Amino acid sequence: MERSRFDQDFVVERSPRTAREPAKKRKWREIEALKDKRRLQEELQQLDCTFELDAMAEELKL
């Protein structure tokens, strides 16, 4: 009887913080990818290239 009461009184719950961390990491990766894409577009504009980034990406996927 004492043991079951002990189990009920001392239940360890998961921290909600640990559940959010993978989502934060995924969001951070998305932000970094957008920054890289923007940086590449700016570099191409500086070189006066008329290539579309999406067209280049499609060619690379082949």
C-alpha atoms as a PDB file:
ATOM      1  CA  MET A   1       0.000   0.000   0.000  1.00  0.00           C
ATOM      2  CA  GLU A   2       2.794   2.408   0.872  1.00  0.00           C
ATOM      3  CA  ARG A   3       4.592   1.730  -2.381  1.00  0.00           C
ATOM      4  CA  SER A   4       1.681   2.641  -4.637  1.00  0.00           C
ATOM      5  CA  ARG A   5       1.182   5.903  -2.744  1.00  0.00           C
ATOM      6  CA  PHE A   6       4.886   6.688  -3.136  1.00  0.00           C
ATOM      7  CA  ASP A   7       4.616   6.163  -6.901  1.00  0.00           C
ATOM      8  CA  GLN A   8       1.659   8.521  -7.118  1.00  0.00           C
ATOM      9  CA  ASP A   9       3.287  11.267  -5.060  1.00  0.00           C
ATOM     10  CA  PHE A  10       6.607  11.302  -6.893  1.00  0.00           C
ATOM     11  CA  VAL A  11       5.733  11.184 -10.557  1.00  0.00           C
ATOM     12  CA  VAL A  12       8.450  12.748 -12.672  1.00  0.00           C
ATOM     13  CA  GLU A  13       7.053  14.680 -15.589  1.00  0.00           C
ATOM     14  CA  ARG A  14       8.921  15.478 -18.748  1.00  0.00           C
ATOM     15  CA  SER A  15      10.109  18.987 -19.156  1.00  0.00           C
ATOM     16  CA  PRO A  16       8.287  20.821 -21.942  1.00  0.00           C
ATOM     17  CA  ARG A  17      11.613  22.430 -22.839  1.00  0.00           C
ATOM     18  CA  THR A  18      13.070  19.189 -24.201  1.00  0.00           C
ATOM     19  CA  ALA A  19      10.134  18.749 -26.555  1.00  0.00           C
ATOM     20  CA  ARG A  20      10.679  22.221 -28.050  1.00  0.00           C
ATOM     21  CA  GLU A  21      14.407  21.882 -28.695  1.00  0.00           C
ATOM     22  CA  PRO A  22      14.148  19.816 -31.911  1.00  0.00           C
ATOM     23  CA  ALA A  23      11.638  22.312 -33.295  1.00  0.00           C
ATOM     24  CA  LYS A  24      13.989  25.181 -32.433  1.00  0.00           C
ATOM     25  CA  LYS A  25      16.891  23.430 -34.143  1.00  0.00           C
ATOM     26  CA  ARG A  26      14.791  22.765 -37.238  1.00  0.00           C
ATOM     27  CA  LYS A  27      13.637  26.382 -37.344  1.00  0.00           C
ATOM     28  CA  TRP A  28      17.216  27.589 -36.944  1.00  0.00           C
ATOM     29  CA  ARG A  29      18.291  25.406 -39.884  1.00  0.00           C
ATOM     30  CA  GLU A  30      15.505  26.885 -41.998  1.00  0.00           C
ATOM     31  CA  ILE A  31      16.629  30.405 -41.092  1.00  0.00           C
ATOM     32  CA  GLU A  32      20.237  29.565 -41.954  1.00  0.00           C
ATOM     33  CA  ALA A  33      19.146  28.120 -45.315  1.00  0.00           C
ATOM     34  CA  LEU A  34      17.234  31.316 -46.128  1.00  0.00           C
ATOM     35  CA  LYS A  35      20.252  33.428 -45.180  1.00  0.00           C
ATOM     36  CA  ASP A  36      22.502  31.311 -47.401  1.00  0.00           C
ATOM     37  CA  LYS A  37      20.078  31.627 -50.306  1.00  0.00           C
ATOM     38  CA  ARG A  38      19.922  35.410 -49.904  1.00  0.00           C
ATOM     39  CA  ARG A  39      23.716  35.632 -49.615  1.00  0.00           C
ATOM     40  CA  LEU A  40      24.121  33.620 -52.823  1.00  0.00           C
ATOM     41  CA  GLN A  41      21.629  35.851 -54.659  1.00  0.00           C
ATOM     42  CA  GLU A  42      23.553  38.948 -53.557  1.00  0.00           C
ATOM     43  CA  GLU A  43      26.849  37.433 -54.712  1.00  0.00           C
ATOM     44  CA  LEU A  44      25.355  36.578 -58.095  1.00  0.00           C
ATOM     45  CA  GLN A  45      24.019  40.119 -58.456  1.00  0.00           C
ATOM     46  CA  GLN A  46      27.453  41.524 -57.639  1.00  0.00           C
ATOM     47  CA  LEU A  47      28.938  39.373 -60.385  1.00  0.00           C
ATOM     48  CA  ASP A  48      26.182  40.596 -62.723  1.00  0.00           C
ATOM     49  CA  CYS A  49      24.962  37.086 -63.376  1.00  0.00           C
ATOM     50  CA  THR A  50      21.502  36.807 -64.862  1.00  0.00           C
ATOM     51  CA  PHE A  51      20.930  33.256 -63.672  1.00  0.00           C
ATOM     52  CA  GLU A  52      17.890  32.446 -61.623  1.00  0.00           C
ATOM     53  CA  LEU A  53      18.715  30.654 -58.404  1.00  0.00           C
ATOM     54  CA  ASP A  54      15.756  28.305 -58.774  1.00  0.00           C
ATOM     55  CA  ALA A  55      16.780  27.354 -62.316  1.00  0.00           C
ATOM     56  CA  MET A  56      20.289  26.586 -61.095  1.00  0.00           C
ATOM     57  CA  ALA A  57      18.900  24.482 -58.276  1.00  0.00           C
ATOM     58  CA  GLU A  58      16.790  22.476 -60.738  1.00  0.00           C
ATOM     59  CA  GLU A  59      19.847  21.830 -62.903  1.00  0.00           C
ATOM     60  CA  LEU A  60      21.811  20.619 -59.902  1.00  0.00           C
ATOM     61  CA  LYS A  61      19.071  18.173 -58.923  1.00  0.00           C
ATOM     62  CA  LEU A  62      19.453  16.341 -62.232  1.00  0.00           C
END
